[in-house]
Amino acid sequence: MLIAILMLYFASDLRELTDRQLIAASVVSSRIDPAEQAAQIADLRAKTSEVHTFNILALSTIGANHDGFRRQAARSISAMVGLPAVAIGPL
């Protein structure tokens, strides 16, 4: 489990999530006014390097919606156990 979470962490980039996903995952609070939400999202998107997170809701969204992570996970897991790469979900 820890390995899976670390793989998600290093494969994650919060900048790839939509505004709605950032709010739903509580990366940006839903309790603040829309102008402040927009400002926080703009600050996040302006960063020049990947923005990693341990936020479980954000990680689950990234893992469920990003095919790039699925391909990387398939290769990494296969390499760790010494098996040929297998497809995980639609690739």
PDB file of N, CA and C in Angstrom:
ATOM      1  N   MET A   1       0.817  -1.189   0.000  1.00  0.00           N
ATOM      2  CA  MET A   1       0.000   0.000   0.000  1.00  0.00           C
ATOM      3  C   MET A   1       0.869   1.265   0.000  1.00  0.00           C
ATOM      4  N   LEU A   2       1.889   1.245   0.828  1.00  0.00           N
ATOM      5  CA  LEU A   2       2.781   2.399   0.903  1.00  0.00           C
ATOM      6  C   LEU A   2       3.454   2.645  -0.439  1.00  0.00           C
ATOM      7  N   ILE A   3       3.863   1.571  -1.105  1.00  0.00           N
ATOM      8  CA  ILE A   3       4.508   1.719  -2.411  1.00  0.00           C
ATOM      9  C   ILE A   3       3.548   2.356  -3.407  1.00  0.00           C
ATOM     10  N   ALA A   4       2.292   1.928  -3.382  1.00  0.00           N
ATOM     11  CA  ALA A   4       1.291   2.491  -4.304  1.00  0.00           C
ATOM     12  C   ALA A   4       1.093   3.982  -4.036  1.00  0.00           C
ATOM     13  N   ILE A   5       1.032   4.366  -2.775  1.00  0.00           N
ATOM     14  CA  ILE A   5       0.844   5.780  -2.433  1.00  0.00           C
ATOM     15  C   ILE A   5       2.069   6.597  -2.864  1.00  0.00           C
ATOM     16  N   LEU A   6       3.257   6.055  -2.662  1.00  0.00           N
ATOM     17  CA  LEU A   6       4.464   6.767  -3.088  1.00  0.00           C
ATOM     18  C   LEU A   6       4.530   6.882  -4.607  1.00  0.00           C
ATOM     19  N   MET A   7       4.105   5.831  -5.315  1.00  0.00           N
ATOM     20  CA  MET A   7       4.077   5.911  -6.778  1.00  0.00           C
ATOM     21  C   MET A   7       3.109   6.992  -7.233  1.00  0.00           C
ATOM     22  N   LEU A   8       1.945   7.048  -6.609  1.00  0.00           N
ATOM     23  CA  LEU A   8       0.986   8.094  -6.949  1.00  0.00           C
ATOM     24  C   LEU A   8       1.546   9.471  -6.634  1.00  0.00           C
ATOM     25  N   TYR A   9       2.197   9.601  -5.473  1.00  0.00           N
ATOM     26  CA  TYR A   9       2.770  10.887  -5.082  1.00  0.00           C
ATOM     27  C   TYR A   9       3.746  11.399  -6.145  1.00  0.00           C
ATOM     28  N   PHE A  10       4.678  10.548  -6.562  1.00  0.00           N
ATOM     29  CA  PHE A  10       5.700  10.987  -7.514  1.00  0.00           C
ATOM     30  C   PHE A  10       5.159  11.131  -8.930  1.00  0.00           C
ATOM     31  N   ALA A  11       4.045  10.464  -9.238  1.00  0.00           N
ATOM     32  CA  ALA A  11       3.435  10.595 -10.564  1.00  0.00           C
ATOM     33  C   ALA A  11       2.411  11.729 -10.595  1.00  0.00           C
ATOM     34  N   SER A  12       2.105  12.281  -9.432  1.00  0.00           N
ATOM     35  CA  SER A  12       1.051  13.293  -9.351  1.00  0.00           C
ATOM     36  C   SER A  12       1.558  14.670  -9.742  1.00  0.00           C
ATOM     37  N   ASP A  13       0.644  15.446 -10.262  1.00  0.00           N
ATOM     38  CA  ASP A  13       0.889  16.863 -10.514  1.00  0.00           C
ATOM     39  C   ASP A  13      -0.470  17.541 -10.410  1.00  0.00           C
ATOM     40  N   LEU A  14      -0.684  18.264  -9.339  1.00  0.00           N
ATOM     41  CA  LEU A  14      -1.985  18.894  -9.101  1.00  0.00           C
ATOM     42  C   LEU A  14      -2.380  19.855 -10.209  1.00  0.00           C
ATOM     43  N   ARG A  15      -1.407  20.361 -10.946  1.00  0.00           N
ATOM     44  CA  ARG A  15      -1.721  21.303 -12.017  1.00  0.00           C
ATOM     45  C   ARG A  15      -2.537  20.655 -13.130  1.00  0.00           C
ATOM     46  N   GLU A  16      -2.541  19.323 -13.214  1.00  0.00           N
ATOM     47  CA  GLU A  16      -3.276  18.615 -14.257  1.00  0.00           C
ATOM     48  C   GLU A  16      -4.761  18.452 -13.940  1.00  0.00           C
ATOM     49  N   LEU A  17      -5.148  18.663 -12.686  1.00  0.00           N
ATOM     50  CA  LEU A  17      -6.554  18.528 -12.312  1.00  0.00           C
ATOM     51  C   LEU A  17      -7.345  19.760 -12.749  1.00  0.00           C
ATOM     52  N   THR A  18      -8.615  19.555 -13.035  1.00  0.00           N
ATOM     53  CA  THR A  18      -9.476  20.682 -13.385  1.00  0.00           C
ATOM     54  C   THR A  18      -9.774  21.504 -12.135  1.00  0.00           C
ATOM     55  N   ASP A  19     -10.292  22.693 -12.337  1.00  0.00           N
ATOM     56  CA  ASP A  19     -10.666  23.543 -11.197  1.00  0.00           C
ATOM     57  C   ASP A  19     -11.670  22.817 -10.311  1.00  0.00           C
ATOM     58  N   ARG A  20     -12.647  22.195 -10.931  1.00  0.00           N
ATOM     59  CA  ARG A  20     -13.687  21.474 -10.191  1.00  0.00           C
ATOM     60  C   ARG A  20     -13.092  20.322  -9.372  1.00  0.00           C
ATOM     61  N   GLN A  21     -12.137  19.595  -9.958  1.00  0.00           N
ATOM     62  CA  GLN A  21     -11.494  18.489  -9.247  1.00  0.00           C
ATOM     63  C   GLN A  21     -10.658  18.996  -8.073  1.00  0.00           C
ATOM     64  N   LEU A  22      -9.983  20.127  -8.247  1.00  0.00           N
ATOM     65  CA  LEU A  22      -9.192  20.696  -7.153  1.00  0.00           C
ATOM     66  C   LEU A  22     -10.081  21.062  -5.970  1.00  0.00           C
ATOM     67  N   ILE A  23     -11.248  21.591  -6.253  1.00  0.00           N
ATOM     68  CA  ILE A  23     -12.176  21.972  -5.182  1.00  0.00           C
ATOM     69  C   ILE A  23     -12.803  20.730  -4.557  1.00  0.00           C
ATOM     70  N   ALA A  24     -13.205  19.755  -5.383  1.00  0.00           N
ATOM     71  CA  ALA A  24     -13.832  18.530  -4.871  1.00  0.00           C
ATOM     72  C   ALA A  24     -12.865  17.741  -3.984  1.00  0.00           C
ATOM     73  N   ALA A  25     -11.583  17.781  -4.296  1.00  0.00           N
ATOM     74  CA  ALA A  25     -10.578  17.060  -3.514  1.00  0.00           C
ATOM     75  C   ALA A  25     -10.085  17.870  -2.317  1.00  0.00           C
ATOM     76  N   SER A  26     -10.642  19.036  -2.112  1.00  0.00           N
ATOM     77  CA  SER A  26     -10.279  19.931  -1.005  1.00  0.00           C
ATOM     78  C   SER A  26      -8.840  20.428  -1.091  1.00  0.00           C
ATOM     79  N   VAL A  27      -8.274  20.431  -2.295  1.00  0.00           N
ATOM     80  CA  VAL A  27      -6.971  21.066  -2.486  1.00  0.00           C
ATOM     81  C   VAL A  27      -7.181  22.570  -2.354  1.00  0.00           C
ATOM     82  N   VAL A  28      -8.293  23.043  -2.916  1.00  0.00           N
ATOM     83  CA  VAL A  28      -8.748  24.423  -2.755  1.00  0.00           C
ATOM     84  C   VAL A  28     -10.067  24.339  -1.999  1.00  0.00           C
ATOM     85  N   SER A  29     -10.188  25.098  -0.947  1.00  0.00           N
ATOM     86  CA  SER A  29     -11.374  25.023  -0.092  1.00  0.00           C
ATOM     87  C   SER A  29     -12.646  25.446  -0.820  1.00  0.00           C
ATOM     88  N   SER A  30     -13.691  24.689  -0.596  1.00  0.00           N
ATOM     89  CA  SER A  30     -15.003  25.046  -1.154  1.00  0.00           C
ATOM     90  C   SER A  30     -15.707  26.078  -0.285  1.00  0.00           C
ATOM     91  N   ARG A  31     -15.135  26.393   0.860  1.00  0.00           N
ATOM     92  CA  ARG A  31     -15.768  27.320   1.815  1.00  0.00           C
ATOM     93  C   ARG A  31     -15.375  28.779   1.605  1.00  0.00           C
ATOM     94  N   ILE A  32     -14.451  29.017   0.702  1.00  0.00           N
ATOM     95  CA  ILE A  32     -14.051  30.405   0.453  1.00  0.00           C
ATOM     96  C   ILE A  32     -14.777  30.921  -0.787  1.00  0.00           C
ATOM     97  N   ASP A  33     -14.775  32.232  -0.949  1.00  0.00           N
ATOM     98  CA  ASP A  33     -15.514  32.811  -2.075  1.00  0.00           C
ATOM     99  C   ASP A  33     -14.841  32.462  -3.404  1.00  0.00           C
ATOM    100  N   PRO A  34     -15.613  32.455  -4.491  1.00  0.00           N
ATOM    101  CA  PRO A  34     -15.087  32.059  -5.809  1.00  0.00           C
ATOM    102  C   PRO A  34     -13.876  32.861  -6.274  1.00  0.00           C
ATOM    103  N   ALA A  35     -13.795  34.127  -5.924  1.00  0.00           N
ATOM    104  CA  ALA A  35     -12.640  34.937  -6.327  1.00  0.00           C
ATOM    105  C   ALA A  35     -11.360  34.423  -5.663  1.00  0.00           C
ATOM    106  N   GLU A  36     -11.451  34.077  -4.390  1.00  0.00           N
ATOM    107  CA  GLU A  36     -10.284  33.537  -3.679  1.00  0.00           C
ATOM    108  C   GLU A  36      -9.924  32.150  -4.208  1.00  0.00           C
ATOM    109  N   GLN A  37     -10.943  31.333  -4.534  1.00  0.00           N
ATOM    110  CA  GLN A  37     -10.685  30.025  -5.141  1.00  0.00           C
ATOM    111  C   GLN A  37      -9.914  30.197  -6.450  1.00  0.00           C
ATOM    112  N   ALA A  38     -10.379  31.116  -7.271  1.00  0.00           N
ATOM    113  CA  ALA A  38      -9.726  31.367  -8.561  1.00  0.00           C
ATOM    114  C   ALA A  38      -8.278  31.824  -8.361  1.00  0.00           C
ATOM    115  N   ALA A  39      -8.046  32.650  -7.355  1.00  0.00           N
ATOM    116  CA  ALA A  39      -6.689  33.129  -7.077  1.00  0.00           C
ATOM    117  C   ALA A  39      -5.781  31.975  -6.631  1.00  0.00           C
ATOM    118  N   GLN A  40      -6.289  31.107  -5.767  1.00  0.00           N
ATOM    119  CA  GLN A  40      -5.495  29.969  -5.310  1.00  0.00           C
ATOM    120  C   GLN A  40      -5.195  29.005  -6.462  1.00  0.00           C
ATOM    121  N   ILE A  41      -6.185  28.776  -7.317  1.00  0.00           N
ATOM    122  CA  ILE A  41      -5.982  27.896  -8.469  1.00  0.00           C
ATOM    123  C   ILE A  41      -4.969  28.507  -9.432  1.00  0.00           C
ATOM    124  N   ALA A  42      -5.058  29.807  -9.648  1.00  0.00           N
ATOM    125  CA  ALA A  42      -4.101  30.493 -10.525  1.00  0.00           C
ATOM    126  C   ALA A  42      -2.680  30.380  -9.968  1.00  0.00           C
ATOM    127  N   ASP A  43      -2.526  30.538  -8.652  1.00  0.00           N
ATOM    128  CA  ASP A  43      -1.207  30.397  -8.021  1.00  0.00           C
ATOM    129  C   ASP A  43      -0.659  28.981  -8.237  1.00  0.00           C
ATOM    130  N   LEU A  44      -1.525  27.989  -8.086  1.00  0.00           N
ATOM    131  CA  LEU A  44      -1.123  26.597  -8.269  1.00  0.00           C
ATOM    132  C   LEU A  44      -0.675  26.341  -9.712  1.00  0.00           C
ATOM    133  N   ARG A  45      -1.449  26.823 -10.662  1.00  0.00           N
ATOM    134  CA  ARG A  45      -1.146  26.606 -12.085  1.00  0.00           C
ATOM    135  C   ARG A  45       0.092  27.393 -12.536  1.00  0.00           C
ATOM    136  N   ALA A  46       0.436  28.471 -11.840  1.00  0.00           N
ATOM    137  CA  ALA A  46       1.588  29.297 -12.209  1.00  0.00           C
ATOM    138  C   ALA A  46       2.920  28.670 -11.811  1.00  0.00           C
ATOM    139  N   LYS A  47       2.893  27.668 -10.970  1.00  0.00           N
ATOM    140  CA  LYS A  47       4.137  27.027 -10.535  1.00  0.00           C
ATOM    141  C   LYS A  47       4.820  26.374 -11.730  1.00  0.00           C
ATOM    142  N   THR A  48       6.151  26.436 -11.748  1.00  0.00           N
ATOM    143  CA  THR A  48       6.897  25.933 -12.898  1.00  0.00           C
ATOM    144  C   THR A  48       7.311  24.472 -12.761  1.00  0.00           C
ATOM    145  N   SER A  49       7.206  23.915 -11.575  1.00  0.00           N
ATOM    146  CA  SER A  49       7.549  22.504 -11.395  1.00  0.00           C
ATOM    147  C   SER A  49       6.314  21.746 -10.919  1.00  0.00           C
ATOM    148  N   GLU A  50       6.408  20.429 -10.958  1.00  0.00           N
ATOM    149  CA  GLU A  50       5.279  19.596 -10.544  1.00  0.00           C
ATOM    150  C   GLU A  50       4.876  19.916  -9.108  1.00  0.00           C
ATOM    151  N   VAL A  51       3.574  19.819  -8.848  1.00  0.00           N
ATOM    152  CA  VAL A  51       3.053  20.053  -7.513  1.00  0.00           C
ATOM    153  C   VAL A  51       2.524  18.712  -7.012  1.00  0.00           C
ATOM    154  N   HIS A  52       3.316  18.051  -6.160  1.00  0.00           N
ATOM    155  CA  HIS A  52       2.949  16.744  -5.622  1.00  0.00           C
ATOM    156  C   HIS A  52       2.097  16.918  -4.364  1.00  0.00           C
ATOM    157  N   THR A  53       1.376  15.854  -3.998  1.00  0.00           N
ATOM    158  CA  THR A  53       0.537  15.928  -2.814  1.00  0.00           C
ATOM    159  C   THR A  53       0.377  14.555  -2.178  1.00  0.00           C
ATOM    160  N   PHE A  54       0.079  14.544  -0.886  1.00  0.00           N
ATOM    161  CA  PHE A  54      -0.340  13.324  -0.194  1.00  0.00           C
ATOM    162  C   PHE A  54      -1.838  13.368   0.081  1.00  0.00           C
ATOM    163  N   ASN A  55      -2.544  14.351  -0.459  1.00  0.00           N
ATOM    164  CA  ASN A  55      -3.992  14.454  -0.311  1.00  0.00           C
ATOM    165  C   ASN A  55      -4.623  13.229  -0.984  1.00  0.00           C
ATOM    166  N   ILE A  56      -5.233  12.354  -0.182  1.00  0.00           N
ATOM    167  CA  ILE A  56      -5.752  11.083  -0.686  1.00  0.00           C
ATOM    168  C   ILE A  56      -6.846  11.300  -1.730  1.00  0.00           C
ATOM    169  N   LEU A  57      -7.701  12.285  -1.536  1.00  0.00           N
ATOM    170  CA  LEU A  57      -8.756  12.544  -2.520  1.00  0.00           C
ATOM    171  C   LEU A  57      -8.163  12.977  -3.856  1.00  0.00           C
ATOM    172  N   ALA A  58      -7.158  13.826  -3.822  1.00  0.00           N
ATOM    173  CA  ALA A  58      -6.508  14.267  -5.060  1.00  0.00           C
ATOM    174  C   ALA A  58      -5.769  13.113  -5.717  1.00  0.00           C
ATOM    175  N   LEU A  59      -5.076  12.296  -4.920  1.00  0.00           N
ATOM    176  CA  LEU A  59      -4.358  11.154  -5.478  1.00  0.00           C
ATOM    177  C   LEU A  59      -5.306  10.161  -6.132  1.00  0.00           C
ATOM    178  N   SER A  60      -6.470   9.936  -5.515  1.00  0.00           N
ATOM    179  CA  SER A  60      -7.423   8.996  -6.111  1.00  0.00           C
ATOM    180  C   SER A  60      -7.980   9.547  -7.418  1.00  0.00           C
ATOM    181  N   THR A  61      -8.192  10.845  -7.491  1.00  0.00           N
ATOM    182  CA  THR A  61      -8.660  11.462  -8.736  1.00  0.00           C
ATOM    183  C   THR A  61      -7.607  11.339  -9.820  1.00  0.00           C
ATOM    184  N   ILE A  62      -6.363  11.615  -9.468  1.00  0.00           N
ATOM    185  CA  ILE A  62      -5.273  11.499 -10.437  1.00  0.00           C
ATOM    186  C   ILE A  62      -5.131  10.052 -10.905  1.00  0.00           C
ATOM    187  N   GLY A  63      -5.149   9.122  -9.971  1.00  0.00           N
ATOM    188  CA  GLY A  63      -4.994   7.711 -10.323  1.00  0.00           C
ATOM    189  C   GLY A  63      -6.136   7.176 -11.158  1.00  0.00           C
ATOM    190  N   ALA A  64      -7.345   7.659 -10.920  1.00  0.00           N
ATOM    191  CA  ALA A  64      -8.513   7.161 -11.646  1.00  0.00           C
ATOM    192  C   ALA A  64      -8.656   7.778 -13.030  1.00  0.00           C
ATOM    193  N   ASN A  65      -8.163   8.984 -13.215  1.00  0.00           N
ATOM    194  CA  ASN A  65      -8.446   9.711 -14.452  1.00  0.00           C
ATOM    195  C   ASN A  65      -7.273   9.890 -15.397  1.00  0.00           C
ATOM    196  N   HIS A  66      -6.102   9.452 -15.037  1.00  0.00           N
ATOM    197  CA  HIS A  66      -4.946   9.738 -15.873  1.00  0.00           C
ATOM    198  C   HIS A  66      -4.332   8.451 -16.398  1.00  0.00           C
ATOM    199  N   ASP A  67      -4.444   8.226 -17.696  1.00  0.00           N
ATOM    200  CA  ASP A  67      -3.912   7.025 -18.326  1.00  0.00           C
ATOM    201  C   ASP A  67      -2.395   6.952 -18.232  1.00  0.00           C
ATOM    202  N   GLY A  68      -1.729   8.089 -18.216  1.00  0.00           N
ATOM    203  CA  GLY A  68      -0.276   8.088 -18.094  1.00  0.00           C
ATOM    204  C   GLY A  68       0.172   7.406 -16.825  1.00  0.00           C
ATOM    205  N   PHE A  69      -0.547   7.633 -15.724  1.00  0.00           N
ATOM    206  CA  PHE A  69      -0.192   6.965 -14.476  1.00  0.00           C
ATOM    207  C   PHE A  69      -0.411   5.467 -14.598  1.00  0.00           C
ATOM    208  N   ARG A  70      -1.486   5.059 -15.252  1.00  0.00           N
ATOM    209  CA  ARG A  70      -1.756   3.623 -15.394  1.00  0.00           C
ATOM    210  C   ARG A  70      -0.634   2.917 -16.143  1.00  0.00           C
ATOM    211  N   ARG A  71      -0.175   3.517 -17.224  1.00  0.00           N
ATOM    212  CA  ARG A  71       0.923   2.904 -17.984  1.00  0.00           C
ATOM    213  C   ARG A  71       2.193   2.849 -17.137  1.00  0.00           C
ATOM    214  N   GLN A  72       2.498   3.946 -16.439  1.00  0.00           N
ATOM    215  CA  GLN A  72       3.695   3.985 -15.599  1.00  0.00           C
ATOM    216  C   GLN A  72       3.582   2.974 -14.471  1.00  0.00           C
ATOM    217  N   ALA A  73       2.418   2.863 -13.854  1.00  0.00           N
ATOM    218  CA  ALA A  73       2.218   1.913 -12.760  1.00  0.00           C
ATOM    219  C   ALA A  73       2.388   0.486 -13.256  1.00  0.00           C
ATOM    220  N   ALA A  74       1.849   0.180 -14.424  1.00  0.00           N
ATOM    221  CA  ALA A  74       1.971  -1.170 -14.975  1.00  0.00           C
ATOM    222  C   ALA A  74       3.433  -1.532 -15.187  1.00  0.00           C
ATOM    223  N   ARG A  75       4.204  -0.602 -15.741  1.00  0.00           N
ATOM    224  CA  ARG A  75       5.628  -0.864 -15.972  1.00  0.00           C
ATOM    225  C   ARG A  75       6.387  -1.010 -14.656  1.00  0.00           C
ATOM    226  N   SER A  76       6.119  -0.134 -13.709  1.00  0.00           N
ATOM    227  CA  SER A  76       6.832  -0.158 -12.431  1.00  0.00           C
ATOM    228  C   SER A  76       6.533  -1.421 -11.643  1.00  0.00           C
ATOM    229  N   ILE A  77       5.269  -1.768 -11.552  1.00  0.00           N
ATOM    230  CA  ILE A  77       4.888  -2.966 -10.794  1.00  0.00           C
ATOM    231  C   ILE A  77       5.456  -4.202 -11.461  1.00  0.00           C
ATOM    232  N   SER A  78       5.370  -4.278 -12.774  1.00  0.00           N
ATOM    233  CA  SER A  78       5.906  -5.430 -13.497  1.00  0.00           C
ATOM    234  C   SER A  78       7.406  -5.547 -13.297  1.00  0.00           C
ATOM    235  N   ALA A  79       8.099  -4.434 -13.330  1.00  0.00           N
ATOM    236  CA  ALA A  79       9.552  -4.452 -13.132  1.00  0.00           C
ATOM    237  C   ALA A  79       9.901  -4.904 -11.719  1.00  0.00           C
ATOM    238  N   MET A  80       9.119  -4.497 -10.725  1.00  0.00           N
ATOM    239  CA  MET A  80       9.406  -4.868  -9.338  1.00  0.00           C
ATOM    240  C   MET A  80       9.256  -6.372  -9.119  1.00  0.00           C
ATOM    241  N   VAL A  81       8.276  -6.983  -9.780  1.00  0.00           N
ATOM    242  CA  VAL A  81       8.048  -8.410  -9.569  1.00  0.00           C
ATOM    243  C   VAL A  81       8.685  -9.268 -10.648  1.00  0.00           C
ATOM    244  N   GLY A  82       9.313  -8.643 -11.640  1.00  0.00           N
ATOM    245  CA  GLY A  82      10.019  -9.372 -12.677  1.00  0.00           C
ATOM    246  C   GLY A  82       9.143 -10.019 -13.721  1.00  0.00           C
ATOM    247  N   LEU A  83       7.997  -9.448 -13.996  1.00  0.00           N
ATOM    248  CA  LEU A  83       7.074  -9.966 -15.005  1.00  0.00           C
ATOM    249  C   LEU A  83       6.998  -9.005 -16.176  1.00  0.00           C
ATOM    250  N   PRO A  84       6.551  -9.505 -17.343  1.00  0.00           N
ATOM    251  CA  PRO A  84       6.330  -8.569 -18.458  1.00  0.00           C
ATOM    252  C   PRO A  84       5.239  -7.579 -18.110  1.00  0.00           C
ATOM    253  N   ALA A  85       5.312  -6.404 -18.692  1.00  0.00           N
ATOM    254  CA  ALA A  85       4.317  -5.369 -18.423  1.00  0.00           C
ATOM    255  C   ALA A  85       2.934  -5.833 -18.871  1.00  0.00           C
ATOM    256  N   VAL A  86       1.932  -5.561 -18.039  1.00  0.00           N
ATOM    257  CA  VAL A  86       0.553  -5.901 -18.364  1.00  0.00           C
ATOM    258  C   VAL A  86      -0.266  -4.619 -18.404  1.00  0.00           C
ATOM    259  N   ALA A  87      -1.350  -4.650 -19.127  1.00  0.00           N
ATOM    260  CA  ALA A  87      -2.220  -3.471 -19.217  1.00  0.00           C
ATOM    261  C   ALA A  87      -3.089  -3.382 -17.978  1.00  0.00           C
ATOM    262  N   ILE A  88      -3.217  -2.194 -17.461  1.00  0.00           N
ATOM    263  CA  ILE A  88      -4.124  -1.928 -16.344  1.00  0.00           C
ATOM    264  C   ILE A  88      -5.171  -0.977 -16.860  1.00  0.00           C
ATOM    265  N   GLY A  89      -6.351  -1.480 -17.095  1.00  0.00           N
ATOM    266  CA  GLY A  89      -7.429  -0.648 -17.625  1.00  0.00           C
ATOM    267  C   GLY A  89      -7.170  -0.312 -19.078  1.00  0.00           C
ATOM    268  N   PRO A  90      -7.992   0.554 -19.643  1.00  0.00           N
ATOM    269  CA  PRO A  90      -7.830   0.920 -21.045  1.00  0.00           C
ATOM    270  C   PRO A  90      -6.566   1.760 -21.240  1.00  0.00           C
ATOM    271  N   LEU A  91      -5.732   1.354 -22.178  1.00  0.00           N
ATOM    272  CA  LEU A  91      -4.493   2.095 -22.432  1.00  0.00           C
ATOM    273  C   LEU A  91      -4.511   2.728 -23.771  1.00  0.00           C
TER     274      LEU A  91
END
